Amino acid sequence: MLPDIVLIDISMPKLNGIEAAGKILRNNAAERIIILSAHSDKHFVVAGFKAGVSGYVLKTLIVEDLISALHAVMVNKLFLSPQITDVVIEDYTK
């Protein structure tokens, strides 16, 4: 039995969370993945969504955002911690 959602840390010793997410999704495209990260840098966020993750939650906001993220991805929506939305869309608003 496969999990409905995978929570994965972006920083891991041998394979980072973005690379691991890509491998997981190549093996099971139906999988939903939420990245947990201390990094709010847009390059990490964009790379995660390009790899196919469904959510990106900052560890500093995990209590506030994790339940919202789980609810969103369970109904096939994307989730991004609201505190980093500005960082991601900054280039598009200039």
Protein backbone atom coordinates (compact mmCIF):
# COMPACT_ATOMS: atom_id res chain seq x y z
CA MET A 1 0.00 0.00 0.00
CA LEU A 2 1.38 3.41 -0.99
CA PRO A 3 1.03 6.53 1.16
CA ASP A 4 -1.40 9.27 0.12
CA ILE A 5 1.11 12.02 0.94
CA VAL A 6 4.86 12.02 1.48
CA LEU A 7 6.44 14.65 3.75
CA ILE A 8 10.07 15.11 2.82
CA ASP A 9 12.81 17.34 4.17
CA ILE A 10 14.66 19.34 1.54
CA SER A 11 18.01 18.84 3.32
CA MET A 12 19.07 15.22 3.54
CA PRO A 13 22.58 13.69 3.64
CA LYS A 14 22.87 11.85 0.31
CA LEU A 15 19.96 13.01 -1.82
CA ASN A 16 18.19 16.32 -1.33
CA GLY A 17 14.41 16.43 -1.03
CA ILE A 18 13.90 17.86 -4.51
CA GLU A 19 15.90 15.06 -6.13
CA ALA A 20 14.15 12.46 -3.97
CA ALA A 21 10.74 13.91 -4.88
CA GLY A 22 11.58 13.65 -8.58
CA LYS A 23 12.55 9.99 -8.18
CA ILE A 24 9.44 9.19 -6.17
CA LEU A 25 7.19 10.88 -8.72
CA ARG A 26 8.86 9.12 -11.66
CA ASN A 27 8.00 5.81 -9.99
CA ASN A 28 4.48 6.83 -8.94
CA ALA A 29 3.02 9.91 -10.61
CA ALA A 30 -0.08 9.73 -8.38
CA GLU A 31 2.01 10.42 -5.26
CA ARG A 32 1.60 13.80 -3.54
CA ILE A 33 4.70 15.27 -1.92
CA ILE A 34 5.06 18.16 0.51
CA ILE A 35 8.55 19.54 1.05
CA LEU A 36 9.46 20.73 4.54
CA SER A 37 12.25 23.27 4.43
CA ALA A 38 14.09 25.92 6.37
CA HIS A 39 14.90 27.57 3.01
CA SER A 40 12.64 30.35 1.74
CA ASP A 41 14.89 31.05 -1.25
CA LYS A 42 12.80 31.10 -4.43
CA HIS A 43 15.25 28.82 -6.24
CA PHE A 44 14.48 25.99 -3.82
CA VAL A 45 10.74 26.65 -3.98
CA VAL A 46 10.61 26.83 -7.78
CA ALA A 47 12.83 23.75 -8.15
CA GLY A 48 10.52 21.82 -5.85
CA PHE A 49 7.40 22.66 -7.83
CA LYS A 50 9.19 21.98 -11.12
CA ALA A 51 10.06 18.53 -9.73
CA GLY A 52 6.35 17.98 -9.22
CA VAL A 53 5.79 18.50 -5.51
CA SER A 54 2.34 19.56 -4.35
CA GLY A 55 3.37 21.68 -1.40
CA TYR A 56 6.22 23.62 0.17
CA VAL A 57 6.05 24.36 3.90
CA LEU A 58 8.60 26.35 5.85
CA LYS A 59 9.78 24.53 8.97
CA THR A 60 9.53 27.74 10.97
CA LEU A 61 5.80 27.78 10.17
CA ILE A 62 5.12 24.06 10.30
CA VAL A 63 2.56 24.32 13.10
CA GLU A 64 0.60 27.00 11.25
CA ASP A 65 0.86 25.63 7.71
CA LEU A 66 1.19 21.85 7.75
CA ILE A 67 -2.49 21.04 8.32
CA SER A 68 -3.51 23.53 5.62
CA ALA A 69 -0.97 21.97 3.26
CA LEU A 70 -2.26 18.45 3.94
CA HIS A 71 -5.86 19.52 3.31
CA ALA A 72 -4.92 21.31 0.08
CA VAL A 73 -2.90 18.51 -1.49
CA MET A 74 -5.51 15.90 -0.53
CA VAL A 75 -7.92 17.67 -2.91
CA ASN A 76 -5.25 18.03 -5.61
CA LYS A 77 -4.43 21.67 -4.93
CA LEU A 78 -0.97 23.15 -4.55
CA PHE A 79 0.17 24.71 -1.30
CA LEU A 80 2.86 27.27 -0.59
CA SER A 81 3.49 28.77 2.84
CA PRO A 82 1.93 32.22 2.49
CA GLN A 83 5.01 33.87 3.99
CA ILE A 84 7.10 32.93 0.94
CA THR A 85 4.54 33.72 -1.76
CA ASP A 86 6.03 37.19 -2.28
CA VAL A 87 9.49 35.70 -2.74
CA VAL A 88 8.26 33.38 -5.49
CA ILE A 89 6.13 35.88 -7.43
CA GLU A 90 8.51 38.84 -7.04
CA ASP A 91 9.95 38.45 -10.56
CA TYR A 92 6.47 38.37 -12.09
CA THR A 93 5.31 41.58 -10.45
CA LYS A 94 8.24 43.73 -11.58
